[in-house]
Amino acid sequence: MPWEFPVKGETVHEAMTHVVCCSDPEAEMHATLGGIGIGQIDSINAAGFIRAGALVPLLVRHTSERMGLYLYYAQRKDMPARVRRFIDFAVQRLQGGAAFHVPLAELRTRAA
């Protein structure tokens, strides 16, 4: 998968040579933590490790803030109660939560 960078106000996709290629963000994070290489890891997975000093932000001036977490559900009517509860829980837990997001200013202070 290509990496995404903002460059001069435009989103650029760049193919990167990889040692490990996976479609699981958590697996990529653990490979990076294990010293296999560098990774483009989302804030949800990386925030705690960045704050603990286990991950060090690189290329901070090219950090993309466009990526987000999306939850797809086929219908809004007749939605099972458990699905609605999960959606409400996820929004409440993630929206504006500092535990899952590292603002750009904080990334800069923790950068290599």
Protein backbone atom coordinates (compact mmCIF):
# COMPACT_ATOMS: atom_id res chain seq x y z
CA MET A 1 0.00 0.00 0.00
CA PRO A 2 1.31 3.46 -0.78
CA TRP A 3 1.92 5.91 2.03
CA GLU A 4 0.03 9.18 2.10
CA PHE A 5 1.74 12.53 2.65
CA PRO A 6 0.52 16.12 2.48
CA VAL A 7 2.97 18.10 0.32
CA LYS A 8 2.35 21.78 -0.47
CA GLY A 9 -1.35 21.43 0.35
CA GLU A 10 -1.85 18.35 -1.85
CA THR A 11 -2.20 14.71 -0.85
CA VAL A 12 0.58 12.65 -2.39
CA HIS A 13 0.62 8.83 -2.47
CA GLU A 14 4.08 7.31 -2.54
CA ALA A 15 4.93 3.65 -3.06
CA MET A 16 7.40 2.60 -0.36
CA THR A 17 9.84 -0.30 -0.39
CA HIS A 18 8.69 -2.59 2.38
CA VAL A 19 10.16 -5.30 4.56
CA VAL A 20 6.76 -6.35 5.86
CA CYS A 21 3.50 -5.64 4.08
CA CYS A 22 0.22 -6.12 5.92
CA SER A 23 -3.28 -4.73 5.87
CA ASP A 24 -3.61 -4.82 9.67
CA PRO A 25 -2.60 -1.50 11.31
CA GLU A 26 -1.94 -3.17 14.66
CA ALA A 27 0.37 -5.74 13.05
CA GLU A 28 2.27 -2.92 11.33
CA MET A 29 2.61 -1.12 14.65
CA HIS A 30 3.97 -4.23 16.39
CA ALA A 31 6.43 -4.83 13.54
CA THR A 32 7.63 -1.25 13.95
CA LEU A 33 7.86 -1.63 17.74
CA GLY A 34 9.86 -4.81 17.14
CA GLY A 35 12.45 -2.85 15.17
CA ILE A 36 11.69 -4.32 11.75
CA GLY A 37 11.46 -0.86 10.17
CA ILE A 38 9.43 2.33 10.10
CA GLY A 39 5.69 2.45 9.59
CA GLN A 40 2.88 4.89 8.88
CA ILE A 41 0.78 4.14 11.94
CA ASP A 42 -2.55 5.72 12.89
CA SER A 43 -2.99 7.70 16.10
CA ILE A 44 -5.49 5.24 17.55
CA ASN A 45 -2.79 2.57 17.70
CA ALA A 46 0.28 4.76 18.18
CA ALA A 47 -0.75 7.43 20.72
CA GLY A 48 0.10 5.48 23.86
CA PHE A 49 3.38 4.17 22.44
CA ILE A 50 4.43 7.65 21.28
CA ARG A 51 3.71 9.13 24.70
CA ALA A 52 5.59 6.26 26.39
CA GLY A 53 8.60 6.87 24.13
CA ALA A 54 8.41 3.43 22.48
CA LEU A 55 7.60 4.99 19.08
CA VAL A 56 9.31 8.13 17.79
CA PRO A 57 7.53 10.27 15.20
CA LEU A 58 9.42 10.80 11.92
CA LEU A 59 8.56 13.00 8.93
CA VAL A 60 6.27 15.05 11.18
CA ARG A 61 5.90 17.90 8.71
CA HIS A 62 4.37 15.39 6.30
CA THR A 63 1.89 13.91 8.77
CA SER A 64 -1.51 13.26 7.21
CA GLU A 65 -4.56 14.21 9.23
CA ARG A 66 -6.97 13.12 6.51
CA MET A 67 -7.19 9.50 7.55
CA GLY A 68 -9.91 8.64 9.97
CA LEU A 69 -11.85 5.79 11.41
CA TYR A 70 -14.97 4.90 9.48
CA LEU A 71 -17.76 2.65 10.61
CA TYR A 72 -19.98 1.28 7.86
CA TYR A 73 -23.47 0.02 8.52
CA ALA A 74 -25.89 -0.78 5.75
CA GLN A 75 -29.07 0.70 7.18
CA ARG A 76 -30.18 3.20 9.76
CA LYS A 77 -33.73 1.92 10.03
CA ASP A 78 -34.45 -1.28 11.89
CA MET A 79 -30.92 -1.36 13.22
CA PRO A 80 -30.33 -4.01 15.88
CA ALA A 81 -29.99 -2.43 19.33
CA ARG A 82 -26.54 -3.97 19.85
CA VAL A 83 -25.24 -2.26 16.68
CA ARG A 84 -26.65 1.11 17.79
CA ARG A 85 -25.08 0.66 21.25
CA PHE A 86 -21.71 -0.15 19.70
CA ILE A 87 -21.85 2.90 17.42
CA ASP A 88 -22.79 5.17 20.34
CA PHE A 89 -20.02 3.63 22.48
CA ALA A 90 -17.39 4.05 19.75
CA VAL A 91 -18.32 7.67 19.07
CA GLN A 92 -18.36 8.55 22.77
CA ARG A 93 -15.04 6.82 23.42
CA LEU A 94 -13.12 8.03 20.39
CA GLN A 95 -14.46 11.50 19.63
CA GLY A 96 -12.04 14.09 20.93
CA GLY A 97 -10.29 11.50 23.08
CA ALA A 98 -6.68 12.42 23.83
CA ALA A 99 -5.89 8.76 24.49
CA PHE A 100 -6.38 8.00 20.79
CA HIS A 101 -5.03 11.15 19.14
CA VAL A 102 -1.68 12.94 19.22
CA PRO A 103 -2.05 16.54 17.99
CA LEU A 104 0.54 17.79 15.50
CA ALA A 105 2.09 20.18 18.04
CA GLU A 106 2.68 17.28 20.44
CA LEU A 107 4.11 15.12 17.62
CA ARG A 108 6.63 17.87 16.89
CA THR A 109 7.84 17.91 20.50
CA ARG A 110 8.29 14.12 20.48
CA ALA A 111 9.90 13.88 17.02
CA ALA A 112 13.37 12.49 16.42
